Protein backbone atom coordinates (compact mmCIF):
# COMPACT_ATOMS: atom_id res chain seq x y z
CA MET A 1 0.00 0.00 0.00
CA SER A 2 1.35 3.34 -0.97
CA ARG A 3 2.21 6.01 1.60
CA ARG A 4 -0.56 8.26 0.29
CA LYS A 5 -3.20 5.58 0.76
CA ARG A 6 -2.00 4.83 4.29
CA LEU A 7 -2.27 8.53 5.22
CA THR A 8 -5.77 8.74 3.74
CA LEU A 9 -6.87 5.65 5.70
CA ALA A 10 -5.47 7.01 8.99
CA LEU A 11 -7.25 10.32 8.48
CA ALA A 12 -10.55 8.52 7.79
CA ILE A 13 -10.18 6.43 10.95
CA ALA A 14 -9.48 9.55 13.01
CA LEU A 15 -12.60 11.27 11.69
CA VAL A 16 -14.72 8.22 12.53
CA VAL A 17 -13.33 8.08 16.08
CA LEU A 18 -13.95 11.83 16.61
CA LEU A 19 -17.53 11.47 15.37
CA VAL A 20 -18.19 8.56 17.74
CA VAL A 21 -16.77 10.51 20.72
CA ARG A 22 -18.97 13.53 19.93
CA LEU A 23 -22.06 11.34 19.67
CA VAL A 24 -21.27 9.69 23.03
CA GLU A 25 -20.48 12.93 24.94
CA HIS A 26 -23.44 14.97 23.68
CA PRO A 27 -26.14 13.03 25.57
CA LYS A 28 -23.89 13.01 28.66
CA LYS A 29 -23.54 16.79 28.64
CA HIS A 30 -27.20 17.18 28.02
CA ARG A 31 -27.97 15.00 31.00
CA MET A 32 -25.50 16.93 33.19
CA ALA A 33 -26.99 20.25 32.19
CA ALA A 34 -30.44 19.01 32.98
CA SER A 35 -29.53 17.63 36.45
CA PRO A 36 -31.06 19.58 39.39
CA ILE A 37 -28.84 22.00 41.28
CA PRO A 38 -28.30 21.01 44.93
CA VAL A 39 -29.38 23.69 47.42
CA ARG A 40 -30.14 24.08 51.11
CA VAL A 41 -33.32 25.84 52.16
CA ALA A 42 -34.93 27.42 55.20
CA ARG A 43 -38.52 28.37 55.85
CA ALA A 44 -39.74 31.91 56.30
CA ARG A 45 -41.35 32.14 59.73
CA TYR A 46 -43.00 34.48 62.18
CA ALA A 47 -40.86 35.75 65.05
CA ASP A 48 -40.49 38.55 67.60
CA ILE A 49 -37.33 40.41 66.65
CA PRO A 50 -35.53 42.76 69.06
CA ILE A 51 -34.35 45.75 67.05
CA THR A 52 -30.81 46.54 68.14
CA LEU A 53 -28.27 49.15 67.09
CA ARG A 54 -24.62 48.15 67.16
CA ALA A 55 -21.52 50.29 67.53
CA LEU A 56 -17.93 50.30 68.71
CA GLY A 57 -17.59 51.90 72.14
CA LEU A 58 -14.74 53.38 74.17
CA VAL A 59 -14.67 52.66 77.90
CA GLN A 60 -14.28 55.82 79.98
CA ALA A 61 -13.75 56.11 83.73
CA TYR A 62 -16.71 57.42 85.72
CA ARG A 63 -14.37 59.97 87.34
CA THR A 64 -10.68 60.67 86.84
CA VAL A 65 -8.57 62.85 89.15
CA THR A 66 -4.88 63.61 88.80
CA ILE A 67 -3.40 64.05 92.27
CA ALA A 68 -1.00 67.01 92.17
CA PRO A 69 0.60 68.75 95.18
CA MET A 70 -0.74 72.18 96.08
CA ILE A 71 2.51 73.34 97.72
CA THR A 72 6.25 72.95 97.16
CA GLY A 73 8.43 70.75 99.35
CA PRO A 74 10.11 67.38 99.76
CA MET A 75 7.70 64.42 99.72
CA ILE A 76 8.67 62.44 102.82
CA ALA A 77 6.26 59.48 102.55
CA VAL A 78 3.87 57.63 100.25
CA ASP A 79 0.95 56.06 102.14
CA PHE A 80 -0.76 53.93 99.46
CA ARG A 81 0.05 50.98 97.24
CA GLN A 82 0.00 51.46 93.49
CA GLY A 83 -2.94 49.88 91.68
CA THR A 84 -5.08 49.47 94.79
CA VAL A 85 -8.48 50.92 95.59
CA VAL A 86 -8.51 53.90 97.95
CA ARG A 87 -11.46 55.55 99.65
CA ARG A 88 -12.28 59.22 99.65
CA GLY A 89 -10.35 60.94 102.45
CA ALA A 90 -7.56 58.34 102.56
CA LEU A 91 -4.01 59.63 103.14
CA LEU A 92 -1.96 59.26 99.94
CA ALA A 93 1.33 61.07 100.63
CA ARG A 94 3.00 63.56 102.95
CA ILE A 95 5.15 66.62 102.32
CA ASP A 96 7.59 67.91 104.95
CA PRO A 97 5.32 70.09 107.16
CA ARG A 98 7.98 71.94 109.20
CA PRO A 99 8.29 75.08 107.03
CA TYR A 100 4.52 75.44 107.01
CA GLN A 101 4.21 74.83 110.75
CA ALA A 102 6.73 77.61 111.28
CA ALA A 103 4.79 79.93 108.95
CA LEU A 104 1.61 79.24 110.94
CA ALA A 105 3.36 79.94 114.25
CA GLN A 106 4.72 83.20 112.86
CA ALA A 107 1.26 84.27 111.70
CA LEU A 108 -0.22 83.47 115.12
CA ALA A 109 2.49 85.51 116.89
CA LYS A 110 1.94 88.45 114.54
CA ARG A 111 -1.78 88.40 115.30
CA ALA A 112 -1.14 88.35 119.05
CA GLN A 113 1.12 91.40 118.68
CA ASP A 114 -1.43 93.31 116.62
CA GLN A 115 -4.25 92.36 118.97
CA ALA A 116 -2.26 93.87 121.86
CA LEU A 117 -1.82 97.09 119.91
CA LEU A 118 -5.54 97.14 119.16
CA ALA A 119 -6.35 96.70 122.87
CA VAL A 120 -4.12 99.70 123.73
CA ALA A 121 -5.76 101.78 121.00
CA LEU A 122 -9.25 100.90 122.26
CA ASP A 123 -8.32 101.81 125.86
CA THR A 124 -6.86 105.12 124.71
CA LEU A 125 -10.01 105.91 122.72
CA LYS A 126 -12.12 105.19 125.80
CA ARG A 127 -10.11 107.68 127.91
CA TYR A 128 -10.22 110.31 125.14
CA ARG A 129 -14.00 110.11 125.06
CA MET A 130 -14.13 110.77 128.80
CA LEU A 131 -11.80 113.74 128.45
CA ILE A 132 -13.65 115.32 125.56
CA ALA A 133 -16.82 115.23 127.61
CA HIS A 134 -15.12 117.70 130.00
CA HIS A 135 -13.55 119.65 127.14
CA TYR A 136 -9.99 118.68 128.13
CA ILE A 137 -8.99 117.62 124.59
CA SER A 138 -10.06 118.57 121.10
CA ALA A 139 -12.36 116.58 118.82
CA GLU A 140 -9.53 116.17 116.30
CA ILE A 141 -7.52 114.06 118.76
CA VAL A 142 -10.51 111.76 119.32
CA ALA A 143 -11.02 111.38 115.56
CA GLU A 144 -7.37 110.49 115.06
CA GLN A 145 -7.59 107.85 117.78
CA LYS A 146 -10.71 106.36 116.13
CA ALA A 147 -8.74 106.05 112.90
CA THR A 148 -5.91 104.33 114.78
CA VAL A 149 -8.38 101.82 116.24
CA ALA A 150 -9.87 101.11 112.79
CA GLU A 151 -6.37 100.62 111.34
CA ASP A 152 -5.40 98.21 114.12
CA ARG A 153 -8.61 96.23 113.57
CA ALA A 154 -7.81 95.94 109.85
CA ILE A 155 -4.33 94.70 110.69
CA VAL A 156 -5.78 92.01 112.99
CA ALA A 157 -8.20 90.98 110.24
CA GLN A 158 -5.25 90.70 107.85
CA ASP A 159 -3.47 88.57 110.44
CA ASN A 160 -6.49 86.26 110.61
CA ALA A 161 -6.36 85.81 106.84
CA GLN A 162 -2.63 85.04 107.02
CA ILE A 163 -3.30 82.44 109.69
CA GLU A 164 -6.02 80.83 107.60
CA SER A 165 -3.69 80.70 104.59
CA ALA A 166 -0.90 79.18 106.70
CA ARG A 167 -3.26 76.56 108.10
CA THR A 168 -4.44 75.73 104.57
CA ASN A 169 -0.88 75.31 103.33
CA LEU A 170 -0.10 73.15 106.35
CA SER A 171 -3.11 70.94 105.54
CA TYR A 172 -1.76 70.53 102.00
CA THR A 173 1.27 68.73 103.42
CA ARG A 174 -1.08 65.75 103.83
CA ILE A 175 -2.26 64.76 100.35
CA ILE A 176 -5.76 63.28 100.66
CA ALA A 177 -7.76 61.27 98.09
CA PRO A 178 -10.61 63.50 96.84
CA ILE A 179 -12.58 60.55 95.40
CA SER A 180 -12.85 56.81 95.83
CA GLY A 181 -11.23 54.81 93.06
CA ARG A 182 -8.30 52.78 91.85
CA THR A 183 -4.84 54.31 91.89
CA GLY A 184 -2.54 54.13 88.92
CA ILE A 185 1.24 53.99 88.70
CA LEU A 186 3.12 56.26 91.09
CA ALA A 187 4.84 59.02 89.12
CA VAL A 188 7.02 60.50 91.91
CA ASN A 189 8.78 58.58 94.64
CA ALA A 190 9.29 59.73 98.22
CA GLY A 191 12.33 61.97 98.65
CA ASN A 192 11.71 64.08 95.57
CA ILE A 193 10.86 67.76 95.68
CA VAL A 194 7.32 68.23 94.43
CA SER A 195 5.36 71.34 93.49
CA PRO A 196 2.07 72.32 91.82
CA SER A 197 3.93 72.33 88.48
CA THR A 198 5.12 68.70 88.80
CA PRO A 199 4.39 67.16 85.35
CA GLY A 200 1.63 64.55 85.51
CA GLY A 201 1.14 64.98 89.24
CA ILE A 202 1.89 62.21 91.73
CA VAL A 203 -0.71 59.62 90.75
CA THR A 204 -4.07 59.33 88.99
CA ILE A 205 -7.22 57.96 90.63
CA THR A 206 -10.03 56.61 88.47
CA THR A 207 -13.49 55.47 89.50
CA ILE A 208 -14.38 52.36 87.50
CA GLN A 209 -17.41 51.16 89.50
CA PRO A 210 -19.61 52.48 87.94
CA ILE A 211 -18.06 53.18 84.56
CA TYR A 212 -19.06 54.79 81.25
CA VAL A 213 -18.92 53.61 77.65
CA LEU A 214 -18.99 56.22 74.87
CA PHE A 215 -20.16 55.20 71.40
CA SER A 216 -21.50 56.80 68.23
CA LEU A 217 -24.47 55.99 66.01
CA PRO A 218 -25.39 57.30 62.56
CA GLN A 219 -27.70 60.30 62.64
CA GLN A 220 -30.35 58.20 60.86
CA ASP A 221 -30.83 56.28 64.13
CA LEU A 222 -31.65 59.43 66.14
CA SER A 223 -35.43 59.11 65.72
CA ASP A 224 -35.40 55.49 66.93
CA VAL A 225 -33.30 56.42 69.98
CA LEU A 226 -35.46 59.43 70.89
CA HIS A 227 -38.68 57.45 70.50
CA ALA A 228 -37.30 54.66 72.70
CA LEU A 229 -36.08 57.13 75.35
CA HIS A 230 -39.56 58.63 75.66
CA ALA A 231 -41.12 55.18 75.90
CA HIS A 232 -38.78 53.41 78.35
CA THR A 233 -35.26 53.10 79.70
CA LEU A 234 -32.79 51.99 77.06
CA ASN A 235 -30.71 48.96 77.98
CA VAL A 236 -27.19 48.72 76.62
CA THR A 237 -25.05 45.57 76.41
CA ALA A 238 -21.26 45.62 76.11
CA PHE A 239 -19.71 42.49 74.63
CA ALA A 240 -16.53 41.20 73.05
CA HIS A 241 -15.68 38.43 70.61
CA HIS A 242 -13.47 35.70 72.02
CA SER A 243 -12.50 32.48 70.22
CA GLY A 244 -15.26 33.03 67.69
CA ARG A 245 -17.93 33.49 70.36
CA ARG A 246 -19.67 36.59 71.65
CA LEU A 247 -18.94 37.19 75.33
CA VAL A 248 -21.22 39.56 77.27
CA LEU A 249 -19.08 41.82 79.47
CA ALA A 250 -21.67 43.98 81.23
CA LYS A 251 -25.18 45.36 80.99
CA GLY A 252 -26.07 48.98 81.61
CA ARG A 253 -28.36 51.86 80.70
CA LEU A 254 -28.16 54.79 78.34
CA THR A 255 -27.64 57.94 80.41
CA VAL A 256 -26.48 60.72 78.08
CA LEU A 257 -27.47 61.69 74.55
CA ASP A 258 -25.24 64.41 73.12
CA ASN A 259 -26.95 67.65 72.17
CA ILE A 260 -25.29 68.00 68.77
CA ILE A 261 -24.54 65.82 65.75
CA ASN A 262 -20.94 65.71 64.58
CA GLN A 263 -21.08 67.36 61.16
CA SER A 264 -17.79 65.88 59.96
CA THR A 265 -18.87 62.28 60.61
CA GLY A 266 -22.68 62.54 60.63
CA THR A 267 -22.82 60.66 63.93
CA LEU A 268 -24.35 61.20 67.34
CA THR A 269 -22.40 60.45 70.53
CA LEU A 270 -24.07 58.56 73.37
CA LYS A 271 -22.93 57.54 76.84
CA ALA A 272 -24.05 54.46 78.77
CA ARG A 273 -23.49 53.75 82.47
CA PHE A 274 -22.50 50.29 83.70
CA LYS A 275 -22.21 49.08 87.31
CA ASN A 276 -19.24 46.95 86.24
CA PRO A 277 -19.32 44.57 89.24
CA SER A 278 -16.83 42.11 87.74
CA LEU A 279 -14.47 44.84 86.43
CA ALA A 280 -14.85 43.45 82.91
CA LEU A 281 -14.78 47.01 81.54
CA TRP A 282 -11.50 48.89 81.86
CA PRO A 283 -10.87 52.56 80.98
CA GLY A 284 -9.40 53.05 77.52
CA ALA A 285 -10.55 49.68 76.15
CA PHE A 286 -12.71 49.26 73.04
CA VAL A 287 -15.84 47.12 73.29
CA ASN A 288 -18.76 46.27 71.06
CA VAL A 289 -22.03 47.88 72.10
CA ARG A 290 -25.58 46.74 71.43
CA LEU A 291 -28.48 49.10 72.10
CA GLN A 292 -32.00 47.64 71.96
CA VAL A 293 -34.52 50.29 70.90
CA ARG A 294 -37.68 48.20 70.40
CA THR A 295 -39.10 44.77 69.58
CA GLU A 296 -41.06 44.02 66.40
CA ARG A 297 -43.78 41.48 67.12
CA HIS A 298 -44.95 38.66 64.82
CA VAL A 299 -43.04 39.62 61.69
CA VAL A 300 -41.88 37.39 58.83
CA VAL A 301 -38.16 36.67 58.97
CA VAL A 302 -35.69 34.71 56.83
CA PRO A 303 -31.97 34.00 57.26
CA SER A 304 -30.01 37.01 56.03
CA VAL A 305 -27.98 34.82 53.64
CA ALA A 306 -31.18 34.13 51.70
CA VAL A 307 -31.60 37.79 50.66
CA ARG A 308 -29.98 38.76 47.36
CA GLN A 309 -29.68 42.04 45.49
CA GLY A 310 -30.64 42.42 41.84
CA PRO A 311 -31.00 45.28 39.37
CA GLU A 312 -34.53 45.94 40.64
CA GLY A 313 -33.78 45.54 44.35
CA ALA A 314 -33.82 42.78 46.94
CA PHE A 315 -35.21 39.34 46.18
CA VAL A 316 -35.13 35.75 47.45
CA TYR A 317 -35.16 32.45 45.60
CA VAL A 318 -38.31 30.53 46.57
CA VAL A 319 -38.49 26.77 45.96
CA ARG A 320 -41.76 25.54 44.45
CA PRO A 321 -42.93 22.29 42.80
CA SER A 322 -42.30 22.37 39.06
CA GLY A 323 -45.30 20.11 38.28
CA PRO A 324 -48.68 19.17 39.75
CA ALA A 325 -48.56 18.48 43.46
CA LEU A 326 -48.43 14.81 44.39
CA ALA A 327 -51.44 13.30 46.05
CA SER A 328 -49.63 11.99 49.10
CA PRO A 329 -48.03 14.63 51.34
CA ARG A 330 -45.77 11.91 52.80
CA VAL A 331 -43.78 11.65 49.57
CA LYS A 332 -40.34 13.17 50.15
CA ALA A 333 -39.81 16.60 48.68
CA HIS A 334 -36.63 15.67 46.84
CA LYS A 335 -38.56 13.12 44.77
CA GLN A 336 -40.75 15.88 43.40
CA GLY A 337 -39.73 18.13 40.57
CA LEU A 338 -38.64 21.43 42.17
CA GLN A 339 -37.69 24.74 40.70
CA VAL A 340 -36.93 28.24 41.96
CA SER A 341 -38.43 31.61 41.24
CA ASP A 342 -37.06 35.01 42.20
CA VAL A 343 -39.51 36.83 44.48
CA PRO A 344 -39.00 40.60 45.06
CA VAL A 345 -39.24 41.50 48.75
CA SER A 346 -39.34 44.64 50.85
CA LEU A 347 -36.84 44.52 53.72
CA GLY A 348 -36.98 45.73 57.28
CA PHE A 349 -34.45 45.36 60.06
CA SER A 350 -31.49 43.14 59.23
CA ASP A 351 -28.44 41.79 61.02
CA GLN A 352 -25.94 39.03 60.31
CA ARG A 353 -28.44 36.34 61.30
CA LEU A 354 -32.01 37.35 60.37
CA THR A 355 -33.75 39.81 58.07
CA VAL A 356 -37.31 41.10 58.49
CA ILE A 357 -39.47 40.82 55.34
CA ARG A 358 -41.99 43.65 55.19
CA SER A 359 -43.82 42.40 52.12
CA GLY A 360 -43.52 39.99 49.22
CA LEU A 361 -43.13 36.72 51.13
CA ALA A 362 -45.45 34.67 53.33
CA ALA A 363 -44.48 32.59 56.33
CA GLY A 364 -43.82 28.95 55.45
CA ALA A 365 -42.20 29.60 52.07
CA GLN A 366 -38.95 27.76 51.41
CA VAL A 367 -36.08 30.10 50.51
CA VAL A 368 -32.62 29.11 49.27
CA VAL A 369 -29.82 29.79 51.76
CA VAL A 370 -26.96 27.78 50.19
CA GLY A 371 -26.26 27.28 46.47
CA GLY A 372 -27.99 30.41 45.22
CA SER A 373 -25.00 31.62 43.21
CA ARG A 374 -25.71 28.95 40.53
CA LEU A 375 -29.44 29.63 40.27
CA HIS A 376 -31.60 31.52 37.84
CA PRO A 377 -35.40 31.86 37.69
CA GLY A 378 -36.91 28.52 36.69
CA ALA A 379 -33.83 26.46 37.50
CA GLN A 380 -34.45 22.89 38.65
CA VAL A 381 -33.14 22.24 42.18
CA ARG A 382 -32.61 19.40 44.59
CA ILE A 383 -32.92 20.06 48.33
CA LEU A 384 -30.00 18.76 50.35
CA PRO A 385 -30.69 17.26 53.79
CA ALA A 386 -30.31 19.56 56.77
CA GLN A 387 -26.83 19.68 58.31
CA THR A 388 -26.31 18.03 61.66
CA GLY A 389 -24.55 19.73 64.52
CA LYS A 390 -21.31 17.85 63.82
CA SER A 391 -21.32 18.62 60.13
CA ARG A 392 -22.00 22.31 60.82
CA THR A 393 -19.10 22.37 63.23
CA ALA A 394 -16.86 20.71 60.69
CA SER A 395 -17.90 23.13 57.98
CA HIS A 396 -17.02 26.11 60.18
CA ALA A 397 -13.68 24.62 61.19
């Protein structure tokens, strides 16, 4: 057989093989395209949904006082332990009192001297009044003596003020806690010279039981907050995320609503008060805040993952039988022909878990929660069995 005939025969065989492969694969692809798409579903249901507003909050001490000396002198003792709780009136530190004791003694001696001069001036004025009654002295001498008495009285009054100032300065040698709270780190050790200009003071005391949390909400939430404040007390929950779980730190109440909206951010600042019995909230820390403003009763809800956005707005994929309903309700749903349709819905409150459906969907409808990315209106679907607790845990791992 010539080379040309062999080449022609090989080409013919290749064309036959290619034709057979195409004929075999075409029905297979057709069957694959027609196979139902596996999905997981959930039912729309009625529920009471607490409407909550969430924000990031900053923990702030209920009161903060920086303890600074009021006088200058060497600090001879520190009478508290750093980081401990002190009560109002507790002795914190002492400054050498001797110079101020001496100043007080000097002021007392000066007053005694001026009081003696005043007593002499008063006695002289008394005698002058007796003499002028018999015309032994002139009225001018009596007037001058009255002025001397008034001057001596003013000097004694000035001495009293000096004594009060000296006593006040002497009291400042004992530094007393003005509030109850927890002390911070000691900034100045005993032996140092301290003064009112000492940077940062000696120590800071903060009251953390109770404690505040400051947070901001968008100005669009103002009407909900105001309406809730007029209706009842607003409860606030502070929580944190730990190891993938939400941990409640403390529960408190909204106490302050700022009187102005921040124009640069379009937010409103709020302040909540917490008793903080377990000291879970610490000044300067960031926490998540949840503010419950109301509860919507008996509304239709679906899992938030079921809601999708299209060119015309929000919609959900609803699973319906694709043919006539079977006579027996006991026949399993996956044996029926099922298809999906896109149903436009009007949304209400939504969070990561649930979304409120205002209109467009009735309770009991089956909506697609998993597998919706492959769907289109009219697509045939197959409902997968519900996940067990173990399988859900494995899927999240």
